[in-house]
N, C-alpha and C. Protein backbone atom coordinates (compact mmCIF):
# COMPACT_ATOMS: atom_id res chain seq x y z
N MET A 1 7.22 -4.62 7.48
CA MET A 1 8.32 -3.36 6.97
C MET A 1 7.61 -3.29 5.72
N ASP A 2 7.91 -1.73 5.56
CA ASP A 2 7.50 -1.10 4.36
C ASP A 2 7.73 -1.44 2.66
N TYR A 3 6.94 -1.42 1.41
CA TYR A 3 7.34 -1.53 0.02
C TYR A 3 6.58 -0.30 -0.19
N PHE A 4 7.69 0.18 -2.11
CA PHE A 4 7.61 1.46 -2.02
C PHE A 4 7.13 1.33 -3.87
N VAL A 5 6.47 1.99 -4.18
CA VAL A 5 5.97 1.39 -5.49
C VAL A 5 6.62 3.50 -6.01
N TYR A 6 7.92 3.24 -6.98
CA TYR A 6 8.08 4.74 -7.45
C TYR A 6 8.18 4.30 -9.02
N MET A 7 7.96 5.97 -9.73
CA MET A 7 8.61 6.07 -11.03
C MET A 7 9.59 7.11 -10.93
N ILE A 8 10.57 6.65 -12.44
CA ILE A 8 11.45 7.40 -12.31
C ILE A 8 11.72 7.85 -13.97
N ILE A 9 12.23 8.94 -14.27
CA ILE A 9 12.34 9.42 -15.67
C ILE A 9 13.41 9.58 -15.54
N SER A 10 13.86 9.68 -17.11
CA SER A 10 15.12 9.70 -17.70
C SER A 10 14.85 10.91 -19.45
N LYS A 11 15.40 11.28 -19.20
CA LYS A 11 15.22 12.26 -21.02
C LYS A 11 15.96 11.74 -21.47
N ILE A 12 16.44 11.09 -23.52
CA ILE A 12 16.53 10.75 -24.29
C ILE A 12 16.33 11.10 -25.50
N ASN A 13 17.21 12.42 -26.02
CA ASN A 13 16.77 12.82 -27.59
C ASN A 13 15.44 13.55 -27.13
N ASN A 14 15.22 14.57 -26.12
CA ASN A 14 14.04 15.15 -26.25
C ASN A 14 12.90 14.94 -25.81
N LYS A 15 13.18 13.04 -25.55
CA LYS A 15 11.84 12.50 -24.89
C LYS A 15 11.72 12.17 -24.14
N THR A 16 10.78 12.36 -23.14
CA THR A 16 10.74 11.89 -21.61
C THR A 16 10.34 10.37 -21.78
N ILE A 17 11.20 9.28 -20.72
CA ILE A 17 10.66 7.81 -20.62
C ILE A 17 10.62 7.79 -19.41
N SER A 18 10.00 7.08 -18.61
CA SER A 18 9.18 6.42 -17.27
C SER A 18 9.55 5.32 -17.27
N TYR A 19 9.71 4.87 -16.47
CA TYR A 19 10.14 2.84 -15.52
C TYR A 19 8.96 3.14 -14.13
N VAL A 20 8.50 2.01 -13.83
CA VAL A 20 7.52 1.82 -13.16
C VAL A 20 7.95 0.51 -12.32
N GLY A 21 8.36 0.49 -10.80
CA GLY A 21 8.88 -0.70 -10.05
C GLY A 21 8.34 -0.44 -8.55
N TYR A 22 8.36 -1.68 -7.64
CA TYR A 22 8.79 -1.32 -6.31
C TYR A 22 10.18 -1.69 -5.52
N THR A 23 10.12 -1.77 -4.88
CA THR A 23 11.33 -2.01 -3.94
C THR A 23 11.08 -1.97 -2.26
N LYS A 24 11.89 -2.33 -0.84
CA LYS A 24 11.72 -2.12 0.01
C LYS A 24 13.08 -0.62 0.50
N ASP A 25 13.59 -0.55 -0.41
CA ASP A 25 14.90 0.75 -0.06
C ASP A 25 14.49 1.27 -1.50
N LEU A 26 14.24 2.54 -1.34
CA LEU A 26 13.67 3.32 -1.91
C LEU A 26 15.15 4.08 -2.67
N THR A 27 15.73 4.70 -1.80
CA THR A 27 16.42 5.01 -1.84
C THR A 27 17.70 3.97 -2.13
N ASN A 28 18.11 3.25 -2.12
CA ASN A 28 18.91 2.42 -2.75
C ASN A 28 18.62 2.12 -4.16
N ARG A 29 17.29 1.53 -4.14
CA ARG A 29 17.24 1.51 -5.53
C ARG A 29 17.14 2.15 -6.78
N ILE A 30 17.25 4.28 -6.48
CA ILE A 30 17.26 4.38 -7.51
C ILE A 30 18.81 4.93 -7.60
N LYS A 31 19.91 4.63 -6.46
CA LYS A 31 20.99 4.57 -6.57
C LYS A 31 21.00 3.68 -7.68
N LEU A 32 21.24 2.33 -7.73
CA LEU A 32 21.16 0.83 -8.92
C LEU A 32 20.62 1.56 -9.92
N HIS A 33 19.64 2.07 -10.25
CA HIS A 33 19.47 2.36 -11.27
C HIS A 33 20.18 3.18 -12.42
N ASN A 34 20.69 4.31 -11.32
CA ASN A 34 21.83 5.25 -12.03
C ASN A 34 22.90 4.71 -12.16
N LEU A 35 23.15 3.35 -11.53
CA LEU A 35 24.60 2.83 -11.29
C LEU A 35 24.61 1.80 -12.66
N SER A 36 23.62 2.06 -13.23
CA SER A 36 23.63 0.95 -14.71
C SER A 36 23.53 -0.73 -13.46
N LYS A 37 22.88 -0.75 -12.82
CA LYS A 37 22.69 -2.52 -12.07
C LYS A 37 21.08 -2.07 -11.45
N GLY A 38 20.49 -1.50 -11.57
CA GLY A 38 18.93 -1.93 -11.65
C GLY A 38 18.40 -2.69 -12.95
N ALA A 39 17.10 -2.71 -12.92
CA ALA A 39 16.24 -3.38 -14.48
C ALA A 39 17.17 -3.13 -15.87
N LYS A 40 17.10 -4.38 -16.37
CA LYS A 40 17.63 -3.79 -17.68
C LYS A 40 17.33 -2.94 -18.42
N PHE A 41 16.07 -2.33 -18.45
CA PHE A 41 15.93 -1.19 -19.10
C PHE A 41 16.15 -0.12 -18.53
N THR A 42 16.57 0.00 -17.79
CA THR A 42 17.09 1.42 -17.02
C THR A 42 18.57 1.57 -17.68
N LYS A 43 19.30 0.40 -17.70
CA LYS A 43 20.86 0.61 -17.84
C LYS A 43 21.31 1.47 -18.85
N GLY A 44 22.09 2.37 -18.59
CA GLY A 44 22.87 3.36 -19.41
C GLY A 44 22.20 4.50 -19.52
N LYS A 45 21.45 4.93 -18.70
CA LYS A 45 20.85 6.37 -18.69
C LYS A 45 20.67 7.14 -17.13
N LYS A 46 19.96 8.58 -16.88
CA LYS A 46 19.93 8.92 -15.29
C LYS A 46 18.85 8.95 -15.42
N TRP A 47 18.46 8.16 -14.31
CA TRP A 47 17.65 8.97 -13.78
C TRP A 47 16.77 9.77 -12.42
N LYS A 48 15.91 9.85 -12.36
CA LYS A 48 15.08 10.62 -11.78
C LYS A 48 13.69 10.31 -10.96
N LEU A 49 14.11 10.55 -9.61
CA LEU A 49 12.31 9.70 -8.60
C LEU A 49 11.66 11.30 -9.07
N ILE A 50 10.22 11.21 -9.43
CA ILE A 50 9.46 11.68 -9.50
C ILE A 50 8.16 11.48 -9.03
N TYR A 51 8.49 9.84 -7.85
CA TYR A 51 7.03 9.76 -7.53
C TYR A 51 7.22 8.64 -6.52
N SER A 52 6.43 8.30 -5.61
CA SER A 52 6.54 6.91 -4.64
C SER A 52 5.70 7.52 -3.93
N LYS A 53 5.32 5.73 -3.32
CA LYS A 53 4.36 5.80 -2.84
C LYS A 53 4.09 4.23 -1.90
N LYS A 54 3.94 4.32 -0.23
CA LYS A 54 4.03 3.79 0.34
C LYS A 54 3.15 2.60 0.76
N PHE A 55 4.06 1.30 0.54
CA PHE A 55 2.58 -0.33 1.63
C PHE A 55 2.97 -0.68 2.45
N LYS A 56 2.39 -1.06 3.26
CA LYS A 56 2.55 -1.96 4.29
C LYS A 56 3.03 -3.19 4.07
N SER A 57 3.11 -4.18 2.27
CA SER A 57 2.69 -5.02 2.27
C SER A 57 3.54 -5.31 0.86
N LYS A 58 4.40 -6.26 0.79
CA LYS A 58 4.60 -6.55 -0.96
C LYS A 58 3.57 -7.03 -1.71
N ILE A 59 2.14 -7.69 -1.31
CA ILE A 59 1.25 -7.82 -2.10
C ILE A 59 0.82 -6.48 -2.64
N SER A 60 0.32 -5.92 -1.76
CA SER A 60 -0.03 -4.39 -2.11
C SER A 60 0.59 -3.32 -3.26
N ALA A 61 1.88 -3.67 -2.56
CA ALA A 61 2.47 -2.66 -3.16
C ALA A 61 2.81 -3.38 -5.11
N MET A 62 2.60 -4.83 -4.98
CA MET A 62 2.94 -5.24 -6.21
C MET A 62 1.96 -5.28 -7.39
N LYS A 63 0.81 -5.39 -6.68
CA LYS A 63 -0.66 -4.66 -7.17
C LYS A 63 -0.53 -3.69 -7.71
N TYR A 64 -0.55 -2.47 -6.81
CA TYR A 64 -0.42 -1.16 -7.46
C TYR A 64 0.77 -0.87 -8.33
N GLU A 65 1.57 -2.03 -8.69
CA GLU A 65 2.92 -1.10 -9.64
C GLU A 65 2.50 -1.98 -10.53
N TYR A 66 1.65 -3.24 -10.78
CA TYR A 66 1.14 -3.57 -11.90
C TYR A 66 -0.39 -2.00 -12.25
N PHE A 67 -0.69 -1.55 -11.78
CA PHE A 67 -2.17 -0.84 -12.08
C PHE A 67 -1.28 0.42 -12.68
N LEU A 68 -0.63 0.52 -11.87
CA LEU A 68 0.29 1.92 -12.09
C LEU A 68 1.28 1.10 -13.63
N LYS A 69 2.09 0.10 -13.97
CA LYS A 69 2.53 0.20 -15.45
C LYS A 69 1.14 0.70 -16.48
N LYS A 70 0.41 -0.27 -16.01
CA LYS A 70 -0.78 -0.42 -16.99
C LYS A 70 -1.48 0.72 -16.99
N ASP A 71 -1.54 1.82 -16.87
CA ASP A 71 -2.20 3.31 -16.97
C ASP A 71 -1.17 4.08 -17.28
N ASN A 72 -1.71 4.22 -18.69
CA ASN A 72 -0.90 5.45 -19.79
C ASN A 72 -1.25 6.35 -19.40
N LYS A 73 -2.20 6.78 -18.85
CA LYS A 73 -3.59 8.14 -18.47
C LYS A 73 -2.31 8.77 -17.20
N LEU A 74 -2.63 7.80 -16.00
CA LEU A 74 -1.85 8.14 -14.49
C LEU A 74 -0.45 8.45 -14.95
N ARG A 75 0.26 7.56 -15.51
CA ARG A 75 1.60 7.99 -15.89
C ARG A 75 1.80 8.88 -16.20
N LYS A 76 1.14 9.22 -17.64
CA LYS A 76 1.35 10.75 -17.91
C LYS A 76 1.29 11.77 -17.76
N LYS A 77 -0.31 11.86 -16.72
CA LYS A 77 -0.52 13.05 -15.55
C LYS A 77 0.64 13.01 -14.06
N ILE A 78 1.09 12.04 -13.96
CA ILE A 78 2.57 11.86 -13.03
C ILE A 78 3.56 12.97 -13.47
N LYS A 79 3.78 12.58 -15.02
CA LYS A 79 4.84 12.91 -15.22
C LYS A 79 5.22 14.12 -15.29
N LEU A 80 3.33 14.55 -16.35
CA LEU A 80 3.19 16.22 -16.36
C LEU A 80 3.67 17.05 -15.50
N ASN A 81 3.29 16.33 -13.96
CA ASN A 81 3.10 17.13 -12.75
C ASN A 81 4.32 17.26 -12.31
N ASN A 82 5.53 16.75 -12.59
CA ASN A 82 6.84 16.41 -12.15
C ASN A 82 7.68 16.92 -13.12
N THR A 83 7.72 17.29 -13.70
CA THR A 83 8.51 16.99 -15.33
C THR A 83 8.62 19.12 -15.19
């Protein structure tokens, strides 16, 4: 089964914030975030998918999610290239 690591962004008070997560069903997960049924941090905001990467295993996806969450320079680069 495939897993996805994704980054979504939202604009709040002229500031762009991002969220990184992993999932098996990317389309449904983004839909849940926008319905305020995703992670607590994402509730009440309108989210746009700007990045995703596919993995063959859950462990690989989780490792990359952790890496991407901690690498602020890479997150900023992805945000700049997609906003």
